[in-house]
């Protein structure tokens, strides 16, 4: 079974993430999309991260009614910071019958050569790249396993959502209702 992997801190998960995951799960050759909740990215150090288990819970709430989308916590048991290649190796060991596809924004593709064992990624796994406004898709698309897939994108920022919560402003429609309710219990208004 072909499974798409969408990595992120999901701090918090929002409608933009969900539309993207649903698009890949229903309009490509993927059977499912797993949202891999990353404890800490080696490229993003943030002091504003909700605890790992809370971010995972929010993703689970957001995906509860969609059998084609799944929250994945494998990186919680891996050394930190999390490297995509190590996560892929662990997932392949745990699910040997699955064929994994890496999903990434075009804005992340230029940095791929700096990733741990980037050459392995480029030769061992299919990578579906969705263009991001304002970013050019680099020469890596010439690699045979990199494919550009148009996808609908919403310009929603998790930072904007966190700031709205801090100011006790509405986040309705930015996140699923269940996620909003949970966020309001985690971050009561100041």
Protein backbone atom coordinates (compact mmCIF):
# COMPACT_ATOMS: atom_id res chain seq x y z
CA UNK A 1 0.00 0.00 0.00
CA UNK A 2 1.35 3.46 -0.91
CA UNK A 3 1.31 5.84 2.04
CA UNK A 4 2.06 9.55 1.89
CA UNK A 5 4.00 11.04 4.79
CA UNK A 6 3.34 14.66 5.68
CA UNK A 7 5.78 15.75 8.36
CA UNK A 8 5.21 18.71 10.63
CA UNK A 9 5.16 20.12 14.11
CA UNK A 10 1.40 20.74 13.69
CA UNK A 11 1.57 23.46 16.33
CA UNK A 12 -1.42 23.39 15.96
CA UNK A 13 -2.84 21.42 13.05
CA UNK A 14 -5.05 23.64 10.91
CA UNK A 15 -7.39 23.56 7.93
CA UNK A 16 -4.53 24.14 5.49
CA UNK A 17 -2.82 20.91 6.64
CA UNK A 18 -6.08 18.99 6.38
CA UNK A 19 -6.93 20.20 2.87
CA UNK A 20 -3.43 19.29 1.68
CA UNK A 21 -3.53 15.81 3.27
CA UNK A 22 -7.02 15.13 1.88
CA UNK A 23 -5.92 16.25 -1.58
CA UNK A 24 -3.03 13.79 -1.63
CA UNK A 25 -5.13 10.98 -0.14
CA UNK A 26 -7.90 11.34 -2.73
CA UNK A 27 -6.29 12.72 -5.88
CA UNK A 28 -3.06 10.74 -6.21
CA UNK A 29 -2.07 7.08 -6.15
CA UNK A 30 -1.77 7.15 -2.34
CA UNK A 31 -4.14 5.00 -0.27
CA UNK A 32 -3.58 7.00 2.90
CA UNK A 33 -1.70 10.02 4.20
CA UNK A 34 -0.06 9.84 7.60
CA UNK A 35 0.63 13.11 9.39
CA UNK A 36 3.94 12.53 11.17
CA UNK A 37 4.01 14.70 14.28
CA UNK A 38 7.60 15.81 14.76
CA UNK A 39 8.77 16.45 18.32
CA UNK A 40 11.45 18.89 17.12
CA UNK A 41 12.74 19.63 13.65
CA UNK A 42 16.52 20.00 13.27
CA UNK A 43 15.77 23.11 11.17
CA UNK A 44 13.16 24.71 13.45
CA UNK A 45 13.94 25.43 17.06
CA UNK A 46 10.85 26.83 18.76
CA UNK A 47 10.12 27.69 22.33
CA UNK A 48 6.41 28.00 21.47
CA UNK A 49 5.81 24.31 20.81
CA UNK A 50 2.93 22.74 22.62
CA UNK A 51 4.01 19.48 24.30
CA UNK A 52 4.37 16.53 21.90
CA UNK A 53 1.44 14.59 23.30
CA UNK A 54 -0.87 17.61 23.09
CA UNK A 55 0.03 18.25 19.44
CA UNK A 56 -0.51 14.55 18.67
CA UNK A 57 -3.89 14.66 20.42
CA UNK A 58 -4.92 17.69 18.33
CA UNK A 59 -3.98 15.86 15.12
CA UNK A 60 -5.94 12.79 16.24
CA UNK A 61 -8.98 14.97 16.96
CA UNK A 62 -8.71 16.63 13.55
CA UNK A 63 -8.51 13.29 11.71
CA UNK A 64 -11.00 11.32 13.80
CA UNK A 65 -13.64 11.02 11.09
CA UNK A 66 -11.35 10.40 8.10
CA UNK A 67 -10.17 6.81 7.54
CA UNK A 68 -7.67 7.88 4.85
CA UNK A 69 -5.74 10.18 7.19
CA UNK A 70 -3.81 9.06 10.25
CA UNK A 71 -1.73 10.63 13.01
CA UNK A 72 1.70 9.03 13.33
CA UNK A 73 3.86 9.38 16.47
CA UNK A 74 6.87 7.24 15.49
CA UNK A 75 9.28 10.15 15.94
CA UNK A 76 8.40 10.31 19.65
CA UNK A 77 10.45 7.13 20.17
CA UNK A 78 13.40 8.17 17.98
CA UNK A 79 16.47 10.18 18.99
CA UNK A 80 16.07 13.94 18.76
CA UNK A 81 16.30 15.98 16.70
CA UNK A 82 14.31 13.87 14.26
CA UNK A 83 15.80 13.18 10.84
CA UNK A 84 13.51 12.16 8.00
CA UNK A 85 15.76 9.29 6.89
CA UNK A 86 15.75 7.76 10.39
CA UNK A 87 11.96 8.06 10.54
CA UNK A 88 11.62 6.40 7.14
CA UNK A 89 13.91 3.57 8.19
CA UNK A 90 11.86 3.03 11.37
CA UNK A 91 8.56 3.12 9.44
CA UNK A 92 9.87 0.68 6.84
CA UNK A 93 10.93 -1.70 9.59
CA UNK A 94 7.57 -1.40 11.34
CA UNK A 95 5.49 -1.59 8.11
CA UNK A 96 7.52 -3.57 5.54
CA UNK A 97 4.52 -4.08 3.22
CA UNK A 98 4.00 -0.33 2.76
CA UNK A 99 5.59 1.89 0.12
CA UNK A 100 6.15 5.34 1.59
CA UNK A 101 6.07 8.62 -0.32
CA UNK A 102 7.45 11.84 1.16
CA UNK A 103 5.18 14.88 0.75
CA UNK A 104 6.85 18.28 0.91
CA UNK A 105 6.33 21.90 -0.03
CA UNK A 106 8.36 23.32 -2.88
CA UNK A 107 9.87 25.81 -0.43
CA UNK A 108 11.53 22.91 1.45
CA UNK A 109 12.98 21.23 -1.63
CA UNK A 110 15.97 23.60 -2.04
CA UNK A 111 17.15 22.66 1.47
CA UNK A 112 16.89 18.91 0.83
CA UNK A 113 20.58 18.51 -0.08
CA UNK A 114 21.42 19.61 3.50
CA UNK A 115 19.21 16.92 5.04
CA UNK A 116 20.79 13.93 6.74
CA UNK A 117 21.54 11.29 4.07
CA UNK A 118 19.82 13.37 1.39
CA UNK A 119 21.19 11.21 -1.41
CA UNK A 120 19.49 8.15 0.07
CA UNK A 121 16.20 10.04 0.24
CA UNK A 122 16.49 11.08 -3.40
CA UNK A 123 17.23 7.56 -4.59
CA UNK A 124 15.14 5.39 -2.24
CA UNK A 125 11.80 7.14 -1.91
CA UNK A 126 9.31 8.92 -4.14
CA UNK A 127 8.89 12.58 -3.23
CA UNK A 128 5.74 14.47 -4.14
CA UNK A 129 6.34 18.20 -4.08
CA UNK A 130 3.50 20.72 -3.92
CA UNK A 131 4.40 24.21 -5.17
CA UNK A 132 4.24 27.01 -2.61
CA UNK A 133 3.47 30.59 -3.63
CA UNK A 134 6.59 32.70 -3.92
CA UNK A 135 9.00 29.79 -4.08
CA UNK A 136 10.60 28.37 -7.17
CA UNK A 137 10.88 24.63 -7.60
CA UNK A 138 14.64 23.94 -7.89
CA UNK A 139 16.58 21.61 -10.14
CA UNK A 140 15.97 18.64 -7.84
CA UNK A 141 12.78 17.98 -9.79
CA UNK A 142 15.06 16.45 -12.41
CA UNK A 143 15.55 13.52 -10.05
CA UNK A 144 13.39 10.65 -11.31
CA UNK A 145 11.71 10.09 -7.93
CA UNK A 146 10.68 13.73 -7.42
CA UNK A 147 7.29 14.65 -8.85
CA UNK A 148 5.54 18.02 -8.69
CA UNK A 149 1.84 17.77 -7.83
CA UNK A 150 -0.40 20.82 -7.86
CA UNK A 151 -2.43 21.09 -4.66
CA UNK A 152 -4.76 23.67 -3.14
CA UNK A 153 -3.00 25.71 -0.49
CA UNK A 154 -4.35 28.01 2.17
CA UNK A 155 -2.08 30.66 3.64
CA UNK A 156 -2.80 29.82 7.27
CA UNK A 157 -0.08 30.19 9.84
CA UNK A 158 0.09 28.25 13.10
CA UNK A 159 1.77 31.35 14.53
CA UNK A 160 -1.32 33.40 13.60
CA UNK A 161 -3.55 30.83 15.30
CA UNK A 162 -1.43 30.83 18.47
CA UNK A 163 -1.40 34.64 18.54
CA UNK A 164 -5.18 34.74 18.02
CA UNK A 165 -5.61 32.37 20.95
CA UNK A 166 -3.31 34.47 23.10
CA UNK A 167 -5.43 37.55 22.31
CA UNK A 168 -8.65 35.56 22.82
CA UNK A 169 -9.71 36.09 19.20
CA UNK A 170 -11.70 33.75 17.00
CA UNK A 171 -9.97 30.87 15.24
CA UNK A 172 -13.21 29.46 13.89
CA UNK A 173 -12.75 27.82 10.48
CA UNK A 174 -8.95 27.99 10.83
CA UNK A 175 -8.99 24.71 12.74
CA UNK A 176 -11.63 21.99 13.14
CA UNK A 177 -14.15 22.69 15.91
CA UNK A 178 -12.84 19.83 18.08
CA UNK A 179 -9.30 21.21 17.79
CA UNK A 180 -10.47 24.70 18.73
CA UNK A 181 -12.29 23.38 21.79
CA UNK A 182 -9.19 21.47 22.90
CA UNK A 183 -6.89 24.45 22.26
CA UNK A 184 -9.11 26.68 24.38
CA UNK A 185 -8.66 24.25 27.31
CA UNK A 186 -4.89 24.09 26.78
CA UNK A 187 -4.40 27.81 26.42
CA UNK A 188 -7.04 29.64 28.42
CA UNK A 189 -7.39 33.33 27.55
CA UNK A 190 -5.06 35.68 29.38
